[in-house]
PDB file of N, CA and C in Angstrom:
ATOM      1  N   MET A   1      37.077  -5.523 -46.995  1.00  0.00           N
ATOM      2  CA  MET A   1      36.057  -6.526 -47.107  1.00  0.00           C
ATOM      3  C   MET A   1      34.698  -5.843 -46.937  1.00  0.00           C
ATOM      4  N   SER A   2      33.754  -6.258 -47.713  1.00  0.00           N
ATOM      5  CA  SER A   2      32.412  -5.708 -47.548  1.00  0.00           C
ATOM      6  C   SER A   2      31.464  -6.823 -47.117  1.00  0.00           C
ATOM      7  N   CYS A   3      30.404  -6.435 -46.439  1.00  0.00           N
ATOM      8  CA  CYS A   3      29.393  -7.392 -45.994  1.00  0.00           C
ATOM      9  C   CYS A   3      28.045  -6.689 -45.958  1.00  0.00           C
ATOM     10  N   CYS A   4      27.006  -7.470 -45.845  1.00  0.00           N
ATOM     11  CA  CYS A   4      25.648  -6.938 -45.721  1.00  0.00           C
ATOM     12  C   CYS A   4      25.038  -7.474 -44.430  1.00  0.00           C
ATOM     13  N   LEU A   5      24.320  -6.610 -43.752  1.00  0.00           N
ATOM     14  CA  LEU A   5      23.599  -7.006 -42.545  1.00  0.00           C
ATOM     15  C   LEU A   5      22.115  -6.794 -42.763  1.00  0.00           C
ATOM     16  N   GLU A   6      21.324  -7.738 -42.282  1.00  0.00           N
ATOM     17  CA  GLU A   6      19.873  -7.580 -42.231  1.00  0.00           C
ATOM     18  C   GLU A   6      19.519  -7.427 -40.761  1.00  0.00           C
ATOM     19  N   LEU A   7      18.798  -6.355 -40.442  1.00  0.00           N
ATOM     20  CA  LEU A   7      18.438  -6.076 -39.063  1.00  0.00           C
ATOM     21  C   LEU A   7      16.935  -5.956 -38.912  1.00  0.00           C
ATOM     22  N   ALA A   8      16.437  -6.385 -37.781  1.00  0.00           N
ATOM     23  CA  ALA A   8      15.048  -6.151 -37.386  1.00  0.00           C
ATOM     24  C   ALA A   8      15.105  -5.279 -36.138  1.00  0.00           C
ATOM     25  N   LEU A   9      14.485  -4.099 -36.211  1.00  0.00           N
ATOM     26  CA  LEU A   9      14.513  -3.135 -35.112  1.00  0.00           C
ATOM     27  C   LEU A   9      13.104  -2.812 -34.661  1.00  0.00           C
ATOM     28  N   ASP A  10      12.960  -2.547 -33.364  1.00  0.00           N
ATOM     29  CA  ASP A  10      11.711  -1.977 -32.881  1.00  0.00           C
ATOM     30  C   ASP A  10      11.595  -0.576 -33.470  1.00  0.00           C
ATOM     31  N   ARG A  11      10.387  -0.172 -33.776  1.00  0.00           N
ATOM     32  CA  ARG A  11      10.187   1.177 -34.314  1.00  0.00           C
ATOM     33  C   ARG A  11      10.096   2.146 -33.143  1.00  0.00           C
ATOM     34  N   ALA A  12      11.261   2.554 -32.689  1.00  0.00           N
ATOM     35  CA  ALA A  12      11.368   3.477 -31.563  1.00  0.00           C
ATOM     36  C   ALA A  12      12.129   4.712 -32.022  1.00  0.00           C
ATOM     37  N   GLU A  13      11.883   5.806 -31.340  1.00  0.00           N
ATOM     38  CA  GLU A  13      12.540   7.057 -31.685  1.00  0.00           C
ATOM     39  C   GLU A  13      14.061   6.920 -31.548  1.00  0.00           C
ATOM     40  N   GLY A  14      14.788   7.181 -32.631  1.00  0.00           N
ATOM     41  CA  GLY A  14      16.241   7.147 -32.619  1.00  0.00           C
ATOM     42  C   GLY A  14      16.872   5.778 -32.810  1.00  0.00           C
ATOM     43  N   ALA A  15      16.076   4.724 -32.983  1.00  0.00           N
ATOM     44  CA  ALA A  15      16.620   3.370 -33.099  1.00  0.00           C
ATOM     45  C   ALA A  15      17.556   3.235 -34.298  1.00  0.00           C
ATOM     46  N   LEU A  16      17.141   3.735 -35.435  1.00  0.00           N
ATOM     47  CA  LEU A  16      17.959   3.627 -36.647  1.00  0.00           C
ATOM     48  C   LEU A  16      19.241   4.444 -36.512  1.00  0.00           C
ATOM     49  N   LEU A  17      19.146   5.623 -35.922  1.00  0.00           N
ATOM     50  CA  LEU A  17      20.337   6.455 -35.716  1.00  0.00           C
ATOM     51  C   LEU A  17      21.323   5.805 -34.748  1.00  0.00           C
ATOM     52  N   ARG A  18      20.821   5.146 -33.707  1.00  0.00           N
ATOM     53  CA  ARG A  18      21.711   4.460 -32.775  1.00  0.00           C
ATOM     54  C   ARG A  18      22.457   3.329 -33.463  1.00  0.00           C
ATOM     55  N   VAL A  19      21.766   2.586 -34.318  1.00  0.00           N
ATOM     56  CA  VAL A  19      22.396   1.482 -35.043  1.00  0.00           C
ATOM     57  C   VAL A  19      23.481   2.009 -35.976  1.00  0.00           C
ATOM     58  N   LEU A  20      23.155   3.024 -36.766  1.00  0.00           N
ATOM     59  CA  LEU A  20      24.139   3.569 -37.709  1.00  0.00           C
ATOM     60  C   LEU A  20      25.329   4.187 -36.980  1.00  0.00           C
ATOM     61  N   GLY A  21      25.078   4.866 -35.873  1.00  0.00           N
ATOM     62  CA  GLY A  21      26.157   5.442 -35.092  1.00  0.00           C
ATOM     63  C   GLY A  21      27.077   4.375 -34.521  1.00  0.00           C
ATOM     64  N   THR A  22      26.504   3.277 -34.040  1.00  0.00           N
ATOM     65  CA  THR A  22      27.306   2.181 -33.505  1.00  0.00           C
ATOM     66  C   THR A  22      28.157   1.562 -34.599  1.00  0.00           C
ATOM     67  N   ILE A  23      27.582   1.383 -35.779  1.00  0.00           N
ATOM     68  CA  ILE A  23      28.330   0.812 -36.904  1.00  0.00           C
ATOM     69  C   ILE A  23      29.536   1.683 -37.233  1.00  0.00           C
ATOM     70  N   GLU A  24      29.334   2.976 -37.332  1.00  0.00           N
ATOM     71  CA  GLU A  24      30.434   3.868 -37.674  1.00  0.00           C
ATOM     72  C   GLU A  24      31.475   3.944 -36.555  1.00  0.00           C
ATOM     73  N   ARG A  25      31.041   3.977 -35.308  1.00  0.00           N
ATOM     74  CA  ARG A  25      31.992   4.037 -34.198  1.00  0.00           C
ATOM     75  C   ARG A  25      32.824   2.764 -34.081  1.00  0.00           C
ATOM     76  N   ARG A  26      32.336   1.661 -34.610  1.00  0.00           N
ATOM     77  CA  ARG A  26      33.070   0.398 -34.579  1.00  0.00           C
ATOM     78  C   ARG A  26      34.014   0.242 -35.774  1.00  0.00           C
ATOM     79  N   GLY A  27      34.158   1.303 -36.577  1.00  0.00           N
ATOM     80  CA  GLY A  27      35.150   1.300 -37.639  1.00  0.00           C
ATOM     81  C   GLY A  27      34.676   0.823 -38.999  1.00  0.00           C
ATOM     82  N   TRP A  28      33.391   0.724 -39.201  1.00  0.00           N
ATOM     83  CA  TRP A  28      32.841   0.298 -40.492  1.00  0.00           C
ATOM     84  C   TRP A  28      32.381   1.513 -41.283  1.00  0.00           C
ATOM     85  N   ASN A  29      32.498   1.444 -42.589  1.00  0.00           N
ATOM     86  CA  ASN A  29      31.972   2.476 -43.486  1.00  0.00           C
ATOM     87  C   ASN A  29      30.637   1.986 -44.033  1.00  0.00           C
ATOM     88  N   VAL A  30      29.618   2.814 -43.948  1.00  0.00           N
ATOM     89  CA  VAL A  30      28.292   2.469 -44.468  1.00  0.00           C
ATOM     90  C   VAL A  30      28.261   2.820 -45.957  1.00  0.00           C
ATOM     91  N   LEU A  31      28.046   1.810 -46.799  1.00  0.00           N
ATOM     92  CA  LEU A  31      27.977   2.026 -48.242  1.00  0.00           C
ATOM     93  C   LEU A  31      26.550   2.269 -48.705  1.00  0.00           C
ATOM     94  N   SER A  32      25.588   1.564 -48.115  1.00  0.00           N
ATOM     95  CA  SER A  32      24.185   1.792 -48.467  1.00  0.00           C
ATOM     96  C   SER A  32      23.285   1.326 -47.328  1.00  0.00           C
ATOM     97  N   VAL A  33      22.105   1.959 -47.264  1.00  0.00           N
ATOM     98  CA  VAL A  33      21.095   1.607 -46.267  1.00  0.00           C
ATOM     99  C   VAL A  33      19.754   1.534 -46.975  1.00  0.00           C
ATOM    100  N   ASN A  34      19.028   0.456 -46.723  1.00  0.00           N
ATOM    101  CA  ASN A  34      17.683   0.310 -47.261  1.00  0.00           C
ATOM    102  C   ASN A  34      16.787  -0.086 -46.089  1.00  0.00           C
ATOM    103  N   ALA A  35      15.790   0.737 -45.792  1.00  0.00           N
ATOM    104  CA  ALA A  35      14.931   0.474 -44.643  1.00  0.00           C
ATOM    105  C   ALA A  35      13.464   0.513 -45.058  1.00  0.00           C
ATOM    106  N   ALA A  36      12.710  -0.399 -44.495  1.00  0.00           N
ATOM    107  CA  ALA A  36      11.256  -0.425 -44.670  1.00  0.00           C
ATOM    108  C   ALA A  36      10.650  -0.472 -43.273  1.00  0.00           C
ATOM    109  N   SER A  37       9.492   0.147 -43.110  1.00  0.00           N
ATOM    110  CA  SER A  37       8.902   0.167 -41.774  1.00  0.00           C
ATOM    111  C   SER A  37       7.454  -0.293 -41.806  1.00  0.00           C
ATOM    112  N   THR A  38       7.062  -0.868 -40.689  1.00  0.00           N
ATOM    113  CA  THR A  38       5.659  -1.186 -40.434  1.00  0.00           C
ATOM    114  C   THR A  38       5.273  -0.368 -39.208  1.00  0.00           C
ATOM    115  N   ALA A  39       4.099  -0.595 -38.687  1.00  0.00           N
ATOM    116  CA  ALA A  39       3.645   0.171 -37.524  1.00  0.00           C
ATOM    117  C   ALA A  39       4.503  -0.085 -36.287  1.00  0.00           C
ATOM    118  N   GLN A  40       5.156  -1.261 -36.204  1.00  0.00           N
ATOM    119  CA  GLN A  40       5.884  -1.599 -34.989  1.00  0.00           C
ATOM    120  C   GLN A  40       7.366  -1.907 -35.193  1.00  0.00           C
ATOM    121  N   ALA A  41       7.833  -2.049 -36.444  1.00  0.00           N
ATOM    122  CA  ALA A  41       9.222  -2.485 -36.642  1.00  0.00           C
ATOM    123  C   ALA A  41       9.834  -1.885 -37.900  1.00  0.00           C
ATOM    124  N   TYR A  42      11.161  -1.913 -37.928  1.00  0.00           N
ATOM    125  CA  TYR A  42      11.932  -1.570 -39.119  1.00  0.00           C
ATOM    126  C   TYR A  42      12.615  -2.839 -39.622  1.00  0.00           C
ATOM    127  N   ALA A  43      12.670  -2.997 -40.926  1.00  0.00           N
ATOM    128  CA  ALA A  43      13.500  -4.020 -41.560  1.00  0.00           C
ATOM    129  C   ALA A  43      14.573  -3.249 -42.316  1.00  0.00           C
ATOM    130  N   VAL A  44      15.828  -3.442 -41.938  1.00  0.00           N
ATOM    131  CA  VAL A  44      16.921  -2.641 -42.466  1.00  0.00           C
ATOM    132  C   VAL A  44      17.978  -3.547 -43.085  1.00  0.00           C
ATOM    133  N   ASN A  45      18.415  -3.192 -44.301  1.00  0.00           N
ATOM    134  CA  ASN A  45      19.551  -3.844 -44.947  1.00  0.00           C
ATOM    135  C   ASN A  45      20.653  -2.806 -45.061  1.00  0.00           C
ATOM    136  N   VAL A  46      21.838  -3.137 -44.554  1.00  0.00           N
ATOM    137  CA  VAL A  46      22.968  -2.219 -44.561  1.00  0.00           C
ATOM    138  C   VAL A  46      24.148  -2.911 -45.235  1.00  0.00           C
ATOM    139  N   THR A  47      24.739  -2.243 -46.222  1.00  0.00           N
ATOM    140  CA  THR A  47      25.959  -2.738 -46.852  1.00  0.00           C
ATOM    141  C   THR A  47      27.124  -1.965 -46.259  1.00  0.00           C
ATOM    142  N   LEU A  48      28.119  -2.704 -45.787  1.00  0.00           N
ATOM    143  CA  LEU A  48      29.234  -2.120 -45.052  1.00  0.00           C
ATOM    144  C   LEU A  48      30.568  -2.502 -45.679  1.00  0.00           C
ATOM    145  N   GLU A  49      31.570  -1.696 -45.354  1.00  0.00           N
ATOM    146  CA  GLU A  49      32.931  -1.999 -45.770  1.00  0.00           C
ATOM    147  C   GLU A  49      33.830  -1.780 -44.564  1.00  0.00           C
ATOM    148  N   GLY A  50      34.695  -2.749 -44.297  1.00  0.00           N
ATOM    149  CA  GLY A  50      35.607  -2.623 -43.168  1.00  0.00           C
ATOM    150  C   GLY A  50      36.524  -3.822 -43.080  1.00  0.00           C
ATOM    151  N   GLU A  51      37.458  -3.740 -42.158  1.00  0.00           N
ATOM    152  CA  GLU A  51      38.464  -4.787 -42.009  1.00  0.00           C
ATOM    153  C   GLU A  51      38.183  -5.716 -40.831  1.00  0.00           C
ATOM    154  N   ARG A  52      37.160  -5.449 -40.066  1.00  0.00           N
ATOM    155  CA  ARG A  52      36.888  -6.229 -38.855  1.00  0.00           C
ATOM    156  C   ARG A  52      35.926  -7.379 -39.142  1.00  0.00           C
ATOM    157  N   ASP A  53      35.800  -8.258 -38.174  1.00  0.00           N
ATOM    158  CA  ASP A  53      34.911  -9.412 -38.282  1.00  0.00           C
ATOM    159  C   ASP A  53      33.455  -8.952 -38.130  1.00  0.00           C
ATOM    160  N   PRO A  54      32.611  -9.218 -39.119  1.00  0.00           N
ATOM    161  CA  PRO A  54      31.212  -8.766 -39.011  1.00  0.00           C
ATOM    162  C   PRO A  54      30.429  -9.462 -37.901  1.00  0.00           C
ATOM    163  N   GLU A  55      30.849 -10.649 -37.497  1.00  0.00           N
ATOM    164  CA  GLU A  55      30.148 -11.339 -36.409  1.00  0.00           C
ATOM    165  C   GLU A  55      30.300 -10.581 -35.086  1.00  0.00           C
ATOM    166  N   ILE A  56      31.454  -9.952 -34.896  1.00  0.00           N
ATOM    167  CA  ILE A  56      31.664  -9.144 -33.691  1.00  0.00           C
ATOM    168  C   ILE A  56      30.729  -7.938 -33.718  1.00  0.00           C
ATOM    169  N   LEU A  57      30.593  -7.306 -34.889  1.00  0.00           N
ATOM    170  CA  LEU A  57      29.671  -6.181 -35.022  1.00  0.00           C
ATOM    171  C   LEU A  57      28.240  -6.618 -34.722  1.00  0.00           C
ATOM    172  N   CYS A  58      27.848  -7.787 -35.187  1.00  0.00           N
ATOM    173  CA  CYS A  58      26.494  -8.285 -34.914  1.00  0.00           C
ATOM    174  C   CYS A  58      26.251  -8.413 -33.416  1.00  0.00           C
ATOM    175  N   ARG A  59      27.210  -8.970 -32.698  1.00  0.00           N
ATOM    176  CA  ARG A  59      27.058  -9.106 -31.243  1.00  0.00           C
ATOM    177  C   ARG A  59      26.954  -7.740 -30.568  1.00  0.00           C
ATOM    178  N   GLN A  60      27.727  -6.765 -31.064  1.00  0.00           N
ATOM    179  CA  GLN A  60      27.665  -5.424 -30.494  1.00  0.00           C
ATOM    180  C   GLN A  60      26.314  -4.776 -30.766  1.00  0.00           C
ATOM    181  N   LEU A  61      25.774  -4.959 -31.967  1.00  0.00           N
ATOM    182  CA  LEU A  61      24.474  -4.378 -32.305  1.00  0.00           C
ATOM    183  C   LEU A  61      23.343  -5.023 -31.511  1.00  0.00           C
ATOM    184  N   LEU A  62      23.456  -6.315 -31.247  1.00  0.00           N
ATOM    185  CA  LEU A  62      22.405  -6.998 -30.482  1.00  0.00           C
ATOM    186  C   LEU A  62      22.303  -6.490 -29.048  1.00  0.00           C
ATOM    187  N   ARG A  63      23.321  -5.824 -28.553  1.00  0.00           N
ATOM    188  CA  ARG A  63      23.279  -5.242 -27.210  1.00  0.00           C
ATOM    189  C   ARG A  63      22.430  -3.980 -27.150  1.00  0.00           C
ATOM    190  N   LEU A  64      22.143  -3.378 -28.304  1.00  0.00           N
ATOM    191  CA  LEU A  64      21.320  -2.177 -28.319  1.00  0.00           C
ATOM    192  C   LEU A  64      19.875  -2.542 -27.994  1.00  0.00           C
ATOM    193  N   VAL A  65      19.205  -1.668 -27.286  1.00  0.00           N
ATOM    194  CA  VAL A  65      17.865  -1.937 -26.763  1.00  0.00           C
ATOM    195  C   VAL A  65      16.856  -2.279 -27.853  1.00  0.00           C
ATOM    196  N   ASP A  66      16.835  -1.545 -28.942  1.00  0.00           N
ATOM    197  CA  ASP A  66      15.786  -1.693 -29.939  1.00  0.00           C
ATOM    198  C   ASP A  66      16.089  -2.716 -31.033  1.00  0.00           C
ATOM    199  N   VAL A  67      17.221  -3.390 -30.965  1.00  0.00           N
ATOM    200  CA  VAL A  67      17.594  -4.365 -31.994  1.00  0.00           C
ATOM    201  C   VAL A  67      17.038  -5.724 -31.614  1.00  0.00           C
ATOM    202  N   ARG A  68      16.223  -6.301 -32.506  1.00  0.00           N
ATOM    203  CA  ARG A  68      15.638  -7.623 -32.283  1.00  0.00           C
ATOM    204  C   ARG A  68      16.511  -8.730 -32.850  1.00  0.00           C
ATOM    205  N   GLU A  69      17.043  -8.502 -34.067  1.00  0.00           N
ATOM    206  CA  GLU A  69      17.781  -9.559 -34.765  1.00  0.00           C
ATOM    207  C   GLU A  69      18.774  -8.933 -35.728  1.00  0.00           C
ATOM    208  N   VAL A  70      19.951  -9.571 -35.883  1.00  0.00           N
ATOM    209  CA  VAL A  70      20.965  -9.145 -36.841  1.00  0.00           C
ATOM    210  C   VAL A  70      21.502 -10.386 -37.529  1.00  0.00           C
ATOM    211  N   THR A  71      21.569 -10.343 -38.863  1.00  0.00           N
ATOM    212  CA  THR A  71      22.078 -11.461 -39.645  1.00  0.00           C
ATOM    213  C   THR A  71      23.058 -10.953 -40.676  1.00  0.00           C
ATOM    214  N   VAL A  72      24.192 -11.648 -40.818  1.00  0.00           N
ATOM    215  CA  VAL A  72      25.154 -11.327 -41.875  1.00  0.00           C
ATOM    216  C   VAL A  72      24.728 -12.116 -43.112  1.00  0.00           C
ATOM    217  N   VAL A  73      24.613 -11.421 -44.248  1.00  0.00           N
ATOM    218  CA  VAL A  73      24.263 -12.061 -45.516  1.00  0.00           C
ATOM    219  C   VAL A  73      25.345 -11.762 -46.537  1.00  0.00           C
ATOM    220  N   GLU A  74      25.416 -12.571 -47.563  1.00  0.00           N
ATOM    221  CA  GLU A  74      26.393 -12.342 -48.630  1.00  0.00           C
ATOM    222  C   GLU A  74      26.034 -11.095 -49.395  1.00  0.00           C
ATOM    223  N   PRO A  75      27.033 -10.240 -49.697  1.00  0.00           N
ATOM    224  CA  PRO A  75      26.731  -9.036 -50.490  1.00  0.00           C
ATOM    225  C   PRO A  75      26.296  -9.415 -51.894  1.00  0.00           C
ATOM    226  N   LYS A  76      25.351  -8.665 -52.409  1.00  0.00           N
ATOM    227  CA  LYS A  76      24.849  -8.899 -53.764  1.00  0.00           C
ATOM    228  C   LYS A  76      25.799  -8.234 -54.768  1.00  0.00           C
ATOM    229  N   VAL A  77      26.151  -8.970 -55.798  1.00  0.00           N
ATOM    230  CA  VAL A  77      27.052  -8.453 -56.815  1.00  0.00           C
ATOM    231  C   VAL A  77      26.212  -7.837 -57.932  1.00  0.00           C
ATOM    232  N   ALA A  78      26.545  -6.594 -58.311  1.00  0.00           N
ATOM    233  CA  ALA A  78      25.798  -5.910 -59.373  1.00  0.00           C
ATOM    234  C   ALA A  78      25.974  -6.651 -60.688  1.00  0.00           C
ATOM    235  N   GLY A  79      24.895  -6.824 -61.418  1.00  0.00           N
ATOM    236  CA  GLY A  79      24.929  -7.455 -62.727  1.00  0.00           C
ATOM    237  C   GLY A  79      24.892  -8.969 -62.676  1.00  0.00           C
ATOM    238  N   ALA A  80      24.776  -9.546 -61.493  1.00  0.00           N
ATOM    239  CA  ALA A  80      24.762 -11.001 -61.386  1.00  0.00           C
ATOM    240  C   ALA A  80      23.340 -11.504 -61.263  1.00  0.00           C
TER     241      ALA A  80
END
């Protein structure tokens, strides 16, 4: 099963690496990452593939210090 997450992160040193590391350690494969930054925050879209419940991953990511918000969104289908 694949899913997409939208994350809002504080722009802190190592914040993006901590998020990606947590995703991989929780058994998900990262298919794509798209990140944009402002002076104080990152807006990150991550497409994932895995067999686990994405809501559980969201709760785990929200425990990280620099994560402000995590939302599961429907994956975009190419050509649609």
